[in-house]
Amino acid sequence: MNILLQDKSLAEEVIPSLIDDNTNQLLTNIPSREKIKNVVFDLNIDGAFGPNVFGACSIQTYWDIVHKDVENVVLEFFTTS
């Protein structure tokens, strides 16, 4: 059975908003390339994103080579979701 919610205000009354507009703006701002680099270099160097993916240490070590690709992927995520 497929039920569509016709009155969105009902959902807003029942489900509390946990993030205010200011926080939402901070979370959805497109990050600068400098911010992306800072986040990458704050990652645990011993951590890996998945079993078949390069870890943070590899990305940090080869940043000069891969930074444009990493930055573009992050920026694409924020601009196209």
PDB file of N, CA and C in Angstrom:
ATOM      1  N   MET A   1       0.845  -1.165   0.000  1.00  0.00           N
ATOM      2  CA  MET A   1       0.000   0.000   0.000  1.00  0.00           C
ATOM      3  C   MET A   1       0.898   1.239   0.000  1.00  0.00           C
ATOM      4  N   ASN A   2       0.673   2.138  -0.902  1.00  0.00           N
ATOM      5  CA  ASN A   2       1.476   3.346  -1.033  1.00  0.00           C
ATOM      6  C   ASN A   2       0.654   4.541  -0.549  1.00  0.00           C
ATOM      7  N   ILE A   3       1.088   5.149   0.535  1.00  0.00           N
ATOM      8  CA  ILE A   3       0.374   6.292   1.094  1.00  0.00           C
ATOM      9  C   ILE A   3       1.231   7.536   0.900  1.00  0.00           C
ATOM     10  N   LEU A   4       0.661   8.545   0.292  1.00  0.00           N
ATOM     11  CA  LEU A   4       1.368   9.810   0.104  1.00  0.00           C
ATOM     12  C   LEU A   4       0.931  10.787   1.178  1.00  0.00           C
ATOM     13  N   LEU A   5       1.882  11.478   1.739  1.00  0.00           N
ATOM     14  CA  LEU A   5       1.565  12.488   2.748  1.00  0.00           C
ATOM     15  C   LEU A   5       1.147  13.758   2.027  1.00  0.00           C
ATOM     16  N   GLN A   6      -0.111  14.099   2.149  1.00  0.00           N
ATOM     17  CA  GLN A   6      -0.640  15.267   1.461  1.00  0.00           C
ATOM     18  C   GLN A   6      -0.349  16.555   2.211  1.00  0.00           C
ATOM     19  N   ASP A   7      -0.329  16.494   3.518  1.00  0.00           N
ATOM     20  CA  ASP A   7      -0.153  17.696   4.331  1.00  0.00           C
ATOM     21  C   ASP A   7       1.212  17.641   5.006  1.00  0.00           C
ATOM     22  N   LYS A   8       2.203  18.329   4.439  1.00  0.00           N
ATOM     23  CA  LYS A   8       3.566  18.298   4.978  1.00  0.00           C
ATOM     24  C   LYS A   8       3.653  18.943   6.353  1.00  0.00           C
ATOM     25  N   SER A   9       2.733  19.838   6.670  1.00  0.00           N
ATOM     26  CA  SER A   9       2.778  20.485   7.983  1.00  0.00           C
ATOM     27  C   SER A   9       2.537  19.474   9.096  1.00  0.00           C
ATOM     28  N   LEU A  10       1.772  18.414   8.803  1.00  0.00           N
ATOM     29  CA  LEU A  10       1.550  17.361   9.799  1.00  0.00           C
ATOM     30  C   LEU A  10       2.876  16.701  10.159  1.00  0.00           C
ATOM     31  N   ALA A  11       3.695  16.400   9.154  1.00  0.00           N
ATOM     32  CA  ALA A  11       5.004  15.793   9.405  1.00  0.00           C
ATOM     33  C   ALA A  11       5.885  16.732  10.209  1.00  0.00           C
ATOM     34  N   GLU A  12       5.836  18.016   9.916  1.00  0.00           N
ATOM     35  CA  GLU A  12       6.645  18.987  10.643  1.00  0.00           C
ATOM     36  C   GLU A  12       6.210  19.099  12.102  1.00  0.00           C
ATOM     37  N   GLU A  13       4.944  18.876  12.368  1.00  0.00           N
ATOM     38  CA  GLU A  13       4.450  18.905  13.746  1.00  0.00           C
ATOM     39  C   GLU A  13       4.876  17.664  14.516  1.00  0.00           C
ATOM     40  N   VAL A  14       4.899  16.521  13.849  1.00  0.00           N
ATOM     41  CA  VAL A  14       5.173  15.242  14.506  1.00  0.00           C
ATOM     42  C   VAL A  14       6.671  14.970  14.621  1.00  0.00           C
ATOM     43  N   ILE A  15       7.436  15.344  13.603  1.00  0.00           N
ATOM     44  CA  ILE A  15       8.872  15.073  13.578  1.00  0.00           C
ATOM     45  C   ILE A  15       9.614  16.359  13.933  1.00  0.00           C
ATOM     46  N   PRO A  16      10.331  16.352  15.044  1.00  0.00           N
ATOM     47  CA  PRO A  16      11.018  17.587  15.455  1.00  0.00           C
ATOM     48  C   PRO A  16      12.198  17.909  14.539  1.00  0.00           C
ATOM     49  N   SER A  17      12.460  19.181  14.364  1.00  0.00           N
ATOM     50  CA  SER A  17      13.621  19.631  13.608  1.00  0.00           C
ATOM     51  C   SER A  17      14.809  19.674  14.563  1.00  0.00           C
ATOM     52  N   LEU A  18      15.827  18.892  14.267  1.00  0.00           N
ATOM     53  CA  LEU A  18      16.987  18.807  15.150  1.00  0.00           C
ATOM     54  C   LEU A  18      18.112  19.749  14.727  1.00  0.00           C
ATOM     55  N   ILE A  19      18.028  20.256  13.514  1.00  0.00           N
ATOM     56  CA  ILE A  19      19.068  21.141  12.997  1.00  0.00           C
ATOM     57  C   ILE A  19      18.422  22.466  12.624  1.00  0.00           C
ATOM     58  N   ASP A  20      18.956  23.554  13.182  1.00  0.00           N
ATOM     59  CA  ASP A  20      18.402  24.864  12.845  1.00  0.00           C
ATOM     60  C   ASP A  20      18.958  25.333  11.496  1.00  0.00           C
ATOM     61  N   ASP A  21      18.408  26.404  10.977  1.00  0.00           N
ATOM     62  CA  ASP A  21      18.793  26.900   9.656  1.00  0.00           C
ATOM     63  C   ASP A  21      20.272  27.270   9.567  1.00  0.00           C
ATOM     64  N   ASN A  22      20.822  27.846  10.634  1.00  0.00           N
ATOM     65  CA  ASN A  22      22.245  28.230  10.627  1.00  0.00           C
ATOM     66  C   ASN A  22      23.149  27.007  10.540  1.00  0.00           C
ATOM     67  N   THR A  23      22.836  25.982  11.338  1.00  0.00           N
ATOM     68  CA  THR A  23      23.627  24.752  11.313  1.00  0.00           C
ATOM     69  C   THR A  23      23.498  24.068   9.964  1.00  0.00           C
ATOM     70  N   ASN A  24      22.299  24.041   9.427  1.00  0.00           N
ATOM     71  CA  ASN A  24      22.088  23.443   8.114  1.00  0.00           C
ATOM     72  C   ASN A  24      22.922  24.154   7.052  1.00  0.00           C
ATOM     73  N   GLN A  25      22.991  25.458   7.130  1.00  0.00           N
ATOM     74  CA  GLN A  25      23.793  26.230   6.174  1.00  0.00           C
ATOM     75  C   GLN A  25      25.272  25.856   6.284  1.00  0.00           C
ATOM     76  N   LEU A  26      25.767  25.709   7.513  1.00  0.00           N
ATOM     77  CA  LEU A  26      27.170  25.326   7.714  1.00  0.00           C
ATOM     78  C   LEU A  26      27.458  23.936   7.161  1.00  0.00           C
ATOM     79  N   LEU A  27      26.497  23.020   7.335  1.00  0.00           N
ATOM     80  CA  LEU A  27      26.694  21.641   6.883  1.00  0.00           C
ATOM     81  C   LEU A  27      26.607  21.486   5.373  1.00  0.00           C
ATOM     82  N   THR A  28      25.916  22.397   4.714  1.00  0.00           N
ATOM     83  CA  THR A  28      25.716  22.262   3.274  1.00  0.00           C
ATOM     84  C   THR A  28      26.537  23.239   2.440  1.00  0.00           C
ATOM     85  N   ASN A  29      27.333  24.089   3.080  1.00  0.00           N
ATOM     86  CA  ASN A  29      28.218  24.985   2.334  1.00  0.00           C
ATOM     87  C   ASN A  29      29.199  24.167   1.516  1.00  0.00           C
ATOM     88  N   ILE A  30      29.503  24.636   0.331  1.00  0.00           N
ATOM     89  CA  ILE A  30      30.499  23.971  -0.498  1.00  0.00           C
ATOM     90  C   ILE A  30      31.872  24.259   0.103  1.00  0.00           C
ATOM     91  N   PRO A  31      32.634  23.210   0.437  1.00  0.00           N
ATOM     92  CA  PRO A  31      33.924  23.431   1.086  1.00  0.00           C
ATOM     93  C   PRO A  31      34.963  23.983   0.113  1.00  0.00           C
ATOM     94  N   SER A  32      35.894  24.745   0.648  1.00  0.00           N
ATOM     95  CA  SER A  32      37.008  25.245  -0.165  1.00  0.00           C
ATOM     96  C   SER A  32      38.006  24.103  -0.381  1.00  0.00           C
ATOM     97  N   ARG A  33      38.862  24.287  -1.368  1.00  0.00           N
ATOM     98  CA  ARG A  33      39.895  23.275  -1.623  1.00  0.00           C
ATOM     99  C   ARG A  33      40.835  23.149  -0.414  1.00  0.00           C
ATOM    100  N   GLU A  34      41.076  24.261   0.253  1.00  0.00           N
ATOM    101  CA  GLU A  34      41.920  24.243   1.465  1.00  0.00           C
ATOM    102  C   GLU A  34      41.255  23.429   2.572  1.00  0.00           C
ATOM    103  N   LYS A  35      39.952  23.586   2.739  1.00  0.00           N
ATOM    104  CA  LYS A  35      39.213  22.832   3.758  1.00  0.00           C
ATOM    105  C   LYS A  35      39.256  21.336   3.447  1.00  0.00           C
ATOM    106  N   ILE A  36      39.095  20.987   2.179  1.00  0.00           N
ATOM    107  CA  ILE A  36      39.165  19.575   1.778  1.00  0.00           C
ATOM    108  C   ILE A  36      40.532  19.003   2.133  1.00  0.00           C
ATOM    109  N   LYS A  37      41.596  19.748   1.814  1.00  0.00           N
ATOM    110  CA  LYS A  37      42.952  19.283   2.139  1.00  0.00           C
ATOM    111  C   LYS A  37      43.112  19.116   3.646  1.00  0.00           C
ATOM    112  N   ASN A  38      42.627  20.069   4.418  1.00  0.00           N
ATOM    113  CA  ASN A  38      42.739  19.976   5.878  1.00  0.00           C
ATOM    114  C   ASN A  38      42.037  18.735   6.409  1.00  0.00           C
ATOM    115  N   VAL A  39      40.867  18.433   5.876  1.00  0.00           N
ATOM    116  CA  VAL A  39      40.129  17.250   6.327  1.00  0.00           C
ATOM    117  C   VAL A  39      40.895  15.975   5.963  1.00  0.00           C
ATOM    118  N   VAL A  40      41.424  15.920   4.743  1.00  0.00           N
ATOM    119  CA  VAL A  40      42.187  14.737   4.325  1.00  0.00           C
ATOM    120  C   VAL A  40      43.392  14.528   5.238  1.00  0.00           C
ATOM    121  N   PHE A  41      44.074  15.602   5.596  1.00  0.00           N
ATOM    122  CA  PHE A  41      45.264  15.460   6.430  1.00  0.00           C
ATOM    123  C   PHE A  41      44.939  15.284   7.908  1.00  0.00           C
ATOM    124  N   ASP A  42      43.677  15.466   8.271  1.00  0.00           N
ATOM    125  CA  ASP A  42      43.237  15.162   9.643  1.00  0.00           C
ATOM    126  C   ASP A  42      42.805  13.708   9.799  1.00  0.00           C
ATOM    127  N   LEU A  43      42.688  12.971   8.682  1.00  0.00           N
ATOM    128  CA  LEU A  43      42.261  11.573   8.739  1.00  0.00           C
ATOM    129  C   LEU A  43      43.339  10.708   9.393  1.00  0.00           C
ATOM    130  N   ASN A  44      42.908   9.650  10.027  1.00  0.00           N
ATOM    131  CA  ASN A  44      43.806   8.663  10.621  1.00  0.00           C
ATOM    132  C   ASN A  44      44.596   7.991   9.500  1.00  0.00           C
ATOM    133  N   ILE A  45      45.917   8.077   9.549  1.00  0.00           N
ATOM    134  CA  ILE A  45      46.730   7.523   8.459  1.00  0.00           C
ATOM    135  C   ILE A  45      46.658   6.001   8.389  1.00  0.00           C
ATOM    136  N   ASP A  46      46.240   5.355   9.459  1.00  0.00           N
ATOM    137  CA  ASP A  46      46.139   3.902   9.456  1.00  0.00           C
ATOM    138  C   ASP A  46      44.752   3.418   9.033  1.00  0.00           C
ATOM    139  N   GLY A  47      43.834   4.352   8.839  1.00  0.00           N
ATOM    140  CA  GLY A  47      42.473   3.983   8.462  1.00  0.00           C
ATOM    141  C   GLY A  47      42.338   3.799   6.960  1.00  0.00           C
ATOM    142  N   ALA A  48      41.388   2.966   6.588  1.00  0.00           N
ATOM    143  CA  ALA A  48      41.089   2.754   5.169  1.00  0.00           C
ATOM    144  C   ALA A  48      39.604   2.991   4.962  1.00  0.00           C
ATOM    145  N   PHE A  49      39.242   3.466   3.782  1.00  0.00           N
ATOM    146  CA  PHE A  49      37.846   3.761   3.476  1.00  0.00           C
ATOM    147  C   PHE A  49      37.063   2.498   3.164  1.00  0.00           C
ATOM    148  N   GLY A  50      37.744   1.450   2.774  1.00  0.00           N
ATOM    149  CA  GLY A  50      37.110   0.180   2.441  1.00  0.00           C
ATOM    150  C   GLY A  50      38.184  -0.818   2.066  1.00  0.00           C
ATOM    151  N   PRO A  51      37.819  -2.085   1.901  1.00  0.00           N
ATOM    152  CA  PRO A  51      38.835  -3.116   1.646  1.00  0.00           C
ATOM    153  C   PRO A  51      39.562  -2.956   0.313  1.00  0.00           C
ATOM    154  N   ASN A  52      38.943  -2.328  -0.665  1.00  0.00           N
ATOM    155  CA  ASN A  52      39.555  -2.198  -1.987  1.00  0.00           C
ATOM    156  C   ASN A  52      39.903  -0.752  -2.326  1.00  0.00           C
ATOM    157  N   VAL A  53      40.110   0.059  -1.297  1.00  0.00           N
ATOM    158  CA  VAL A  53      40.332   1.487  -1.504  1.00  0.00           C
ATOM    159  C   VAL A  53      41.625   1.895  -0.807  1.00  0.00           C
ATOM    160  N   PHE A  54      42.303   2.868  -1.371  1.00  0.00           N
ATOM    161  CA  PHE A  54      43.519   3.382  -0.748  1.00  0.00           C
ATOM    162  C   PHE A  54      43.188   4.047   0.576  1.00  0.00           C
ATOM    163  N   GLY A  55      44.049   3.889   1.545  1.00  0.00           N
ATOM    164  CA  GLY A  55      43.855   4.505   2.850  1.00  0.00           C
ATOM    165  C   GLY A  55      44.284   5.955   2.860  1.00  0.00           C
ATOM    166  N   ALA A  56      44.021   6.598   3.982  1.00  0.00           N
ATOM    167  CA  ALA A  56      44.355   8.015   4.128  1.00  0.00           C
ATOM    168  C   ALA A  56      45.857   8.254   3.955  1.00  0.00           C
ATOM    169  N   CYS A  57      46.657   7.317   4.414  1.00  0.00           N
ATOM    170  CA  CYS A  57      48.120   7.478   4.300  1.00  0.00           C
ATOM    171  C   CYS A  57      48.530   7.615   2.832  1.00  0.00           C
ATOM    172  N   SER A  58      47.949   6.803   1.971  1.00  0.00           N
ATOM    173  CA  SER A  58      48.275   6.869   0.546  1.00  0.00           C
ATOM    174  C   SER A  58      47.853   8.200  -0.052  1.00  0.00           C
ATOM    175  N   ILE A  59      46.650   8.638   0.300  1.00  0.00           N
ATOM    176  CA  ILE A  59      46.158   9.902  -0.243  1.00  0.00           C
ATOM    177  C   ILE A  59      47.018  11.063   0.249  1.00  0.00           C
ATOM    178  N   GLN A  60      47.405  11.034   1.518  1.00  0.00           N
ATOM    179  CA  GLN A  60      48.248  12.095   2.064  1.00  0.00           C
ATOM    180  C   GLN A  60      49.636  12.076   1.415  1.00  0.00           C
ATOM    181  N   THR A  61      50.194  10.892   1.256  1.00  0.00           N
ATOM    182  CA  THR A  61      51.534  10.759   0.685  1.00  0.00           C
ATOM    183  C   THR A  61      51.584  11.259  -0.756  1.00  0.00           C
ATOM    184  N   TYR A  62      50.550  10.948  -1.522  1.00  0.00           N
ATOM    185  CA  TYR A  62      50.534  11.300  -2.945  1.00  0.00           C
ATOM    186  C   TYR A  62      49.608  12.482  -3.234  1.00  0.00           C
ATOM    187  N   TRP A  63      49.408  13.326  -2.230  1.00  0.00           N
ATOM    188  CA  TRP A  63      48.504  14.463  -2.366  1.00  0.00           C
ATOM    189  C   TRP A  63      48.834  15.321  -3.592  1.00  0.00           C
ATOM    190  N   ASP A  64      50.111  15.563  -3.833  1.00  0.00           N
ATOM    191  CA  ASP A  64      50.502  16.399  -4.973  1.00  0.00           C
ATOM    192  C   ASP A  64      50.019  15.826  -6.306  1.00  0.00           C
ATOM    193  N   ILE A  65      49.855  14.515  -6.359  1.00  0.00           N
ATOM    194  CA  ILE A  65      49.413  13.851  -7.584  1.00  0.00           C
ATOM    195  C   ILE A  65      47.888  13.747  -7.643  1.00  0.00           C
ATOM    196  N   VAL A  66      47.247  13.408  -6.517  1.00  0.00           N
ATOM    197  CA  VAL A  66      45.811  13.073  -6.527  1.00  0.00           C
ATOM    198  C   VAL A  66      44.894  14.199  -6.053  1.00  0.00           C
ATOM    199  N   HIS A  67      45.448  15.311  -5.583  1.00  0.00           N
ATOM    200  CA  HIS A  67      44.612  16.327  -4.940  1.00  0.00           C
ATOM    201  C   HIS A  67      43.504  16.861  -5.842  1.00  0.00           C
ATOM    202  N   LYS A  68      43.776  17.048  -7.112  1.00  0.00           N
ATOM    203  CA  LYS A  68      42.731  17.584  -8.002  1.00  0.00           C
ATOM    204  C   LYS A  68      41.558  16.610  -8.113  1.00  0.00           C
ATOM    205  N   ASP A  69      41.858  15.319  -8.223  1.00  0.00           N
ATOM    206  CA  ASP A  69      40.789  14.319  -8.306  1.00  0.00           C
ATOM    207  C   ASP A  69      39.985  14.256  -7.010  1.00  0.00           C
ATOM    208  N   VAL A  70      40.671  14.265  -5.882  1.00  0.00           N
ATOM    209  CA  VAL A  70      39.984  14.220  -4.589  1.00  0.00           C
ATOM    210  C   VAL A  70      39.109  15.456  -4.413  1.00  0.00           C
ATOM    211  N   GLU A  71      39.654  16.607  -4.692  1.00  0.00           N
ATOM    212  CA  GLU A  71      38.896  17.851  -4.561  1.00  0.00           C
ATOM    213  C   GLU A  71      37.674  17.851  -5.484  1.00  0.00           C
ATOM    214  N   ASN A  72      37.859  17.407  -6.722  1.00  0.00           N
ATOM    215  CA  ASN A  72      36.752  17.382  -7.675  1.00  0.00           C
ATOM    216  C   ASN A  72      35.629  16.436  -7.249  1.00  0.00           C
ATOM    217  N   VAL A  73      35.984  15.292  -6.690  1.00  0.00           N
ATOM    218  CA  VAL A  73      34.969  14.346  -6.216  1.00  0.00           C
ATOM    219  C   VAL A  73      34.169  14.961  -5.068  1.00  0.00           C
ATOM    220  N   VAL A  74      34.856  15.575  -4.136  1.00  0.00           N
ATOM    221  CA  VAL A  74      34.171  16.199  -2.995  1.00  0.00           C
ATOM    222  C   VAL A  74      33.292  17.347  -3.469  1.00  0.00           C
ATOM    223  N   LEU A  75      33.806  18.191  -4.324  1.00  0.00           N
ATOM    224  CA  LEU A  75      33.018  19.328  -4.817  1.00  0.00           C
ATOM    225  C   LEU A  75      31.828  18.851  -5.652  1.00  0.00           C
ATOM    226  N   GLU A  76      32.000  17.782  -6.422  1.00  0.00           N
ATOM    227  CA  GLU A  76      30.875  17.235  -7.188  1.00  0.00           C
ATOM    228  C   GLU A  76      29.782  16.737  -6.248  1.00  0.00           C
ATOM    229  N   PHE A  77      30.177  16.082  -5.166  1.00  0.00           N
ATOM    230  CA  PHE A  77      29.201  15.608  -4.189  1.00  0.00           C
ATOM    231  C   PHE A  77      28.378  16.773  -3.657  1.00  0.00           C
ATOM    232  N   PHE A  78      29.048  17.849  -3.279  1.00  0.00           N
ATOM    233  CA  PHE A  78      28.334  18.989  -2.692  1.00  0.00           C
ATOM    234  C   PHE A  78      27.495  19.756  -3.713  1.00  0.00           C
ATOM    235  N   THR A  79      27.867  19.714  -4.983  1.00  0.00           N
ATOM    236  CA  THR A  79      27.105  20.482  -5.970  1.00  0.00           C
ATOM    237  C   THR A  79      26.019  19.664  -6.656  1.00  0.00           C
ATOM    238  N   THR A  80      26.155  18.350  -6.680  1.00  0.00           N
ATOM    239  CA  THR A  80      25.135  17.532  -7.355  1.00  0.00           C
ATOM    240  C   THR A  80      24.426  16.556  -6.438  1.00  0.00           C
ATOM    241  N   SER A  81      24.988  16.338  -5.250  1.00  0.00           N
ATOM    242  CA  SER A  81      24.428  15.398  -4.265  1.00  0.00           C
ATOM    243  C   SER A  81      24.242  14.020  -4.846  1.00  0.00           C
TER     244      SER A  81
END
